[in-house]
Amino acid sequence: SNDLKGAMETLIEQKRQKLSTVEKLDEHMDFASQLIFAQNRGDLTAENVNQCVLEMMIAAPDTLSVTLFFMLILIAEHPTVEEEMMREIETVVGKQELQS
């Protein structure tokens, strides 16, 4: 548990350092960045930020898989939406091979 906590603190500090050196902040504004800025404003403590990031890292794979499962079911139940999605993918990707 302490190893994981230490790893989270290291990752957050790396993110904090990166944010202090970027030229265009809007390109790097993700949820972790918002948490760091909330801490800078005094809205959150360092422990709050660490806990939020830790929970995202631990919970995300499980919640993501459930969300994707239901999204795929909904797409399968709505063929017109699926067709629109495929058209948009083809418009963006063209003849290129899809990549992860």
N, C-alpha and C. Protein backbone atom coordinates (compact mmCIF):
# COMPACT_ATOMS: atom_id res chain seq x y z
N SER A 1 0.82 -1.20 0.00
CA SER A 1 0.00 0.00 0.00
C SER A 1 0.86 1.26 0.00
N ASN A 2 1.92 1.26 0.82
CA ASN A 2 2.81 2.42 0.85
C ASN A 2 3.57 2.56 -0.46
N ASP A 3 3.92 1.42 -1.09
CA ASP A 3 4.60 1.47 -2.38
C ASP A 3 3.71 2.12 -3.43
N LEU A 4 2.44 1.72 -3.43
CA LEU A 4 1.49 2.28 -4.38
C LEU A 4 1.27 3.76 -4.12
N LYS A 5 1.16 4.13 -2.87
CA LYS A 5 0.98 5.53 -2.51
C LYS A 5 2.19 6.36 -2.95
N GLY A 6 3.37 5.82 -2.73
CA GLY A 6 4.60 6.50 -3.15
C GLY A 6 4.68 6.65 -4.66
N ALA A 7 4.25 5.61 -5.37
CA ALA A 7 4.25 5.66 -6.84
C ALA A 7 3.28 6.73 -7.34
N MET A 8 2.10 6.84 -6.70
CA MET A 8 1.12 7.86 -7.08
C MET A 8 1.69 9.25 -6.84
N GLU A 9 2.34 9.44 -5.70
CA GLU A 9 2.92 10.74 -5.39
C GLU A 9 3.98 11.12 -6.43
N THR A 10 4.77 10.14 -6.84
CA THR A 10 5.80 10.37 -7.87
C THR A 10 5.17 10.77 -9.19
N LEU A 11 4.12 10.04 -9.60
CA LEU A 11 3.44 10.34 -10.87
C LEU A 11 2.81 11.73 -10.84
N ILE A 12 2.21 12.08 -9.72
CA ILE A 12 1.56 13.39 -9.60
C ILE A 12 2.62 14.49 -9.66
N GLU A 13 3.74 14.27 -9.00
CA GLU A 13 4.81 15.27 -9.03
C GLU A 13 5.37 15.43 -10.44
N GLN A 14 5.51 14.32 -11.18
CA GLN A 14 5.97 14.40 -12.57
C GLN A 14 4.98 15.20 -13.41
N LYS A 15 3.69 14.96 -13.19
CA LYS A 15 2.65 15.69 -13.91
C LYS A 15 2.71 17.18 -13.56
N ARG A 16 2.90 17.48 -12.28
CA ARG A 16 2.98 18.87 -11.82
C ARG A 16 4.16 19.58 -12.50
N GLN A 17 5.29 18.91 -12.59
CA GLN A 17 6.47 19.49 -13.23
C GLN A 17 6.23 19.71 -14.72
N LYS A 18 5.58 18.74 -15.36
CA LYS A 18 5.29 18.88 -16.79
C LYS A 18 4.37 20.08 -17.03
N LEU A 19 3.36 20.24 -16.18
CA LEU A 19 2.42 21.35 -16.33
C LEU A 19 3.13 22.70 -16.18
N SER A 20 4.18 22.73 -15.37
CA SER A 20 4.87 24.01 -15.15
C SER A 20 5.77 24.39 -16.31
N THR A 21 6.01 23.45 -17.24
CA THR A 21 6.93 23.74 -18.35
C THR A 21 6.26 23.81 -19.72
N VAL A 22 4.98 23.45 -19.80
CA VAL A 22 4.33 23.43 -21.11
C VAL A 22 4.00 24.84 -21.57
N GLU A 23 4.01 25.03 -22.89
CA GLU A 23 3.68 26.34 -23.45
C GLU A 23 2.17 26.53 -23.56
N LYS A 24 1.47 25.51 -24.08
CA LYS A 24 0.01 25.60 -24.24
C LYS A 24 -0.65 24.70 -23.21
N LEU A 25 -1.15 25.31 -22.17
CA LEU A 25 -1.73 24.56 -21.07
C LEU A 25 -2.98 23.79 -21.48
N ASP A 26 -3.79 24.37 -22.38
CA ASP A 26 -5.06 23.74 -22.75
C ASP A 26 -4.87 22.37 -23.38
N GLU A 27 -3.71 22.10 -23.97
CA GLU A 27 -3.46 20.79 -24.58
C GLU A 27 -3.17 19.72 -23.53
N HIS A 28 -2.93 20.13 -22.31
CA HIS A 28 -2.56 19.19 -21.25
C HIS A 28 -3.55 19.19 -20.10
N MET A 29 -4.75 19.74 -20.33
CA MET A 29 -5.73 19.84 -19.25
C MET A 29 -6.61 18.59 -19.19
N ASP A 30 -6.17 17.63 -18.43
CA ASP A 30 -6.96 16.43 -18.19
C ASP A 30 -7.42 16.47 -16.73
N PHE A 31 -8.03 15.38 -16.29
CA PHE A 31 -8.59 15.37 -14.93
C PHE A 31 -7.50 15.52 -13.87
N ALA A 32 -6.37 14.85 -14.07
CA ALA A 32 -5.27 14.96 -13.10
C ALA A 32 -4.78 16.41 -13.01
N SER A 33 -4.71 17.08 -14.17
CA SER A 33 -4.29 18.49 -14.18
C SER A 33 -5.28 19.35 -13.40
N GLN A 34 -6.57 19.09 -13.58
CA GLN A 34 -7.59 19.84 -12.85
C GLN A 34 -7.43 19.64 -11.35
N LEU A 35 -7.12 18.41 -10.94
CA LEU A 35 -6.92 18.13 -9.52
C LEU A 35 -5.72 18.90 -8.97
N ILE A 36 -4.63 18.91 -9.74
CA ILE A 36 -3.42 19.61 -9.32
C ILE A 36 -3.71 21.11 -9.17
N PHE A 37 -4.43 21.69 -10.12
CA PHE A 37 -4.75 23.11 -10.03
C PHE A 37 -5.70 23.39 -8.87
N ALA A 38 -6.61 22.47 -8.58
CA ALA A 38 -7.49 22.63 -7.43
C ALA A 38 -6.68 22.63 -6.14
N GLN A 39 -5.63 21.79 -6.09
CA GLN A 39 -4.76 21.80 -4.92
C GLN A 39 -4.00 23.12 -4.83
N ASN A 40 -3.50 23.61 -5.97
CA ASN A 40 -2.78 24.89 -5.98
C ASN A 40 -3.66 26.04 -5.47
N ARG A 41 -4.96 25.98 -5.78
CA ARG A 41 -5.89 27.02 -5.33
C ARG A 41 -6.28 26.85 -3.86
N GLY A 42 -5.96 25.69 -3.29
CA GLY A 42 -6.33 25.42 -1.92
C GLY A 42 -7.67 24.73 -1.78
N ASP A 43 -8.27 24.31 -2.90
CA ASP A 43 -9.57 23.63 -2.85
C ASP A 43 -9.42 22.17 -2.42
N LEU A 44 -8.27 21.57 -2.67
CA LEU A 44 -8.00 20.17 -2.30
C LEU A 44 -6.66 20.09 -1.59
N THR A 45 -6.52 19.06 -0.78
CA THR A 45 -5.22 18.80 -0.15
C THR A 45 -4.43 17.86 -1.05
N ALA A 46 -3.13 17.72 -0.79
CA ALA A 46 -2.31 16.78 -1.53
C ALA A 46 -2.85 15.36 -1.37
N GLU A 47 -3.34 15.05 -0.17
CA GLU A 47 -3.91 13.72 0.08
C GLU A 47 -5.17 13.50 -0.76
N ASN A 48 -6.01 14.54 -0.90
CA ASN A 48 -7.20 14.44 -1.76
C ASN A 48 -6.80 14.10 -3.19
N VAL A 49 -5.80 14.80 -3.70
CA VAL A 49 -5.34 14.59 -5.08
C VAL A 49 -4.80 13.18 -5.23
N ASN A 50 -3.95 12.75 -4.29
CA ASN A 50 -3.38 11.40 -4.35
C ASN A 50 -4.47 10.34 -4.35
N GLN A 51 -5.47 10.52 -3.49
CA GLN A 51 -6.56 9.54 -3.39
C GLN A 51 -7.38 9.48 -4.68
N CYS A 52 -7.68 10.63 -5.27
CA CYS A 52 -8.45 10.66 -6.51
C CYS A 52 -7.69 9.94 -7.64
N VAL A 53 -6.41 10.25 -7.77
CA VAL A 53 -5.61 9.62 -8.83
C VAL A 53 -5.51 8.12 -8.59
N LEU A 54 -5.29 7.72 -7.34
CA LEU A 54 -5.20 6.30 -7.00
C LEU A 54 -6.50 5.58 -7.36
N GLU A 55 -7.63 6.19 -7.01
CA GLU A 55 -8.92 5.56 -7.32
C GLU A 55 -9.15 5.47 -8.82
N MET A 56 -8.70 6.48 -9.57
CA MET A 56 -8.84 6.41 -11.03
C MET A 56 -8.02 5.26 -11.58
N MET A 57 -6.80 5.09 -11.06
CA MET A 57 -5.92 4.04 -11.56
C MET A 57 -6.46 2.64 -11.23
N ILE A 58 -7.02 2.49 -10.04
CA ILE A 58 -7.49 1.18 -9.61
C ILE A 58 -8.87 0.87 -10.20
N ALA A 59 -9.77 1.84 -10.19
CA ALA A 59 -11.15 1.59 -10.60
C ALA A 59 -11.36 1.67 -12.10
N ALA A 60 -10.56 2.43 -12.79
CA ALA A 60 -10.81 2.69 -14.22
C ALA A 60 -10.93 1.43 -15.07
N PRO A 61 -10.04 0.45 -14.94
CA PRO A 61 -10.19 -0.73 -15.83
C PRO A 61 -11.53 -1.45 -15.66
N ASP A 62 -12.01 -1.55 -14.42
CA ASP A 62 -13.28 -2.23 -14.18
C ASP A 62 -14.45 -1.43 -14.72
N THR A 63 -14.51 -0.15 -14.39
CA THR A 63 -15.63 0.67 -14.85
C THR A 63 -15.59 0.85 -16.37
N LEU A 64 -14.39 0.92 -16.92
CA LEU A 64 -14.27 1.06 -18.37
C LEU A 64 -14.81 -0.17 -19.08
N SER A 65 -14.49 -1.36 -18.58
CA SER A 65 -14.97 -2.57 -19.24
C SER A 65 -16.49 -2.67 -19.18
N VAL A 66 -17.09 -2.30 -18.06
CA VAL A 66 -18.55 -2.33 -17.93
C VAL A 66 -19.17 -1.30 -18.87
N THR A 67 -18.60 -0.11 -18.92
CA THR A 67 -19.11 0.94 -19.79
C THR A 67 -19.03 0.52 -21.26
N LEU A 68 -17.90 -0.04 -21.67
CA LEU A 68 -17.75 -0.49 -23.06
C LEU A 68 -18.74 -1.60 -23.39
N PHE A 69 -18.97 -2.52 -22.45
CA PHE A 69 -19.92 -3.60 -22.66
C PHE A 69 -21.31 -3.05 -22.95
N PHE A 70 -21.78 -2.12 -22.11
CA PHE A 70 -23.11 -1.54 -22.31
C PHE A 70 -23.16 -0.68 -23.57
N MET A 71 -22.07 0.01 -23.89
CA MET A 71 -22.04 0.80 -25.11
C MET A 71 -22.20 -0.10 -26.34
N LEU A 72 -21.51 -1.23 -26.33
CA LEU A 72 -21.61 -2.16 -27.46
C LEU A 72 -23.01 -2.75 -27.57
N ILE A 73 -23.63 -3.04 -26.44
CA ILE A 73 -25.02 -3.55 -26.46
C ILE A 73 -25.94 -2.50 -27.06
N LEU A 74 -25.79 -1.24 -26.63
CA LEU A 74 -26.65 -0.18 -27.15
C LEU A 74 -26.43 0.03 -28.64
N ILE A 75 -25.19 -0.03 -29.09
CA ILE A 75 -24.91 0.10 -30.52
C ILE A 75 -25.57 -1.03 -31.29
N ALA A 76 -25.47 -2.25 -30.77
CA ALA A 76 -26.08 -3.41 -31.43
C ALA A 76 -27.60 -3.28 -31.51
N GLU A 77 -28.20 -2.63 -30.51
CA GLU A 77 -29.65 -2.46 -30.48
C GLU A 77 -30.12 -1.30 -31.36
N HIS A 78 -29.21 -0.47 -31.85
CA HIS A 78 -29.56 0.69 -32.66
C HIS A 78 -28.72 0.70 -33.94
N PRO A 79 -29.12 -0.10 -34.93
CA PRO A 79 -28.33 -0.24 -36.15
C PRO A 79 -28.10 1.06 -36.91
N THR A 80 -29.03 2.00 -36.83
CA THR A 80 -28.82 3.27 -37.56
C THR A 80 -27.68 4.06 -36.93
N VAL A 81 -27.57 3.98 -35.61
CA VAL A 81 -26.45 4.65 -34.93
C VAL A 81 -25.14 3.98 -35.32
N GLU A 82 -25.16 2.66 -35.38
CA GLU A 82 -23.96 1.92 -35.78
C GLU A 82 -23.53 2.32 -37.20
N GLU A 83 -24.49 2.45 -38.09
CA GLU A 83 -24.17 2.85 -39.47
C GLU A 83 -23.57 4.25 -39.50
N GLU A 84 -24.15 5.17 -38.73
CA GLU A 84 -23.60 6.53 -38.66
C GLU A 84 -22.17 6.53 -38.12
N MET A 85 -21.94 5.72 -37.09
CA MET A 85 -20.59 5.64 -36.52
C MET A 85 -19.59 5.10 -37.54
N MET A 86 -20.00 4.07 -38.27
CA MET A 86 -19.11 3.48 -39.27
C MET A 86 -18.81 4.49 -40.38
N ARG A 87 -19.81 5.26 -40.79
CA ARG A 87 -19.57 6.30 -41.80
C ARG A 87 -18.58 7.34 -41.30
N GLU A 88 -18.73 7.74 -40.04
CA GLU A 88 -17.81 8.74 -39.48
C GLU A 88 -16.40 8.18 -39.39
N ILE A 89 -16.27 6.93 -38.97
CA ILE A 89 -14.95 6.30 -38.91
C ILE A 89 -14.32 6.26 -40.29
N GLU A 90 -15.10 5.87 -41.28
CA GLU A 90 -14.58 5.80 -42.66
C GLU A 90 -14.18 7.19 -43.16
N THR A 91 -14.95 8.21 -42.78
CA THR A 91 -14.63 9.58 -43.19
C THR A 91 -13.30 10.03 -42.59
N VAL A 92 -13.10 9.72 -41.33
CA VAL A 92 -11.89 10.16 -40.63
C VAL A 92 -10.69 9.31 -41.02
N VAL A 93 -10.87 7.99 -41.06
CA VAL A 93 -9.75 7.08 -41.28
C VAL A 93 -9.47 6.86 -42.76
N GLY A 94 -10.52 6.88 -43.58
CA GLY A 94 -10.34 6.64 -45.00
C GLY A 94 -9.92 5.20 -45.26
N LYS A 95 -8.93 5.02 -46.09
CA LYS A 95 -8.47 3.67 -46.46
C LYS A 95 -7.36 3.16 -45.55
N GLN A 96 -6.96 3.98 -44.58
CA GLN A 96 -5.90 3.56 -43.66
C GLN A 96 -6.35 2.36 -42.84
N GLU A 97 -5.38 1.57 -42.43
CA GLU A 97 -5.67 0.44 -41.55
C GLU A 97 -5.91 0.97 -40.14
N LEU A 98 -6.94 0.45 -39.47
CA LEU A 98 -7.22 0.89 -38.11
C LEU A 98 -6.13 0.44 -37.16
N GLN A 99 -5.81 1.29 -36.21
CA GLN A 99 -4.80 0.98 -35.21
C GLN A 99 -5.39 1.19 -33.82
N SER A 100 -4.79 0.57 -32.84
CA SER A 100 -5.25 0.74 -31.45
C SER A 100 -5.10 2.19 -31.04
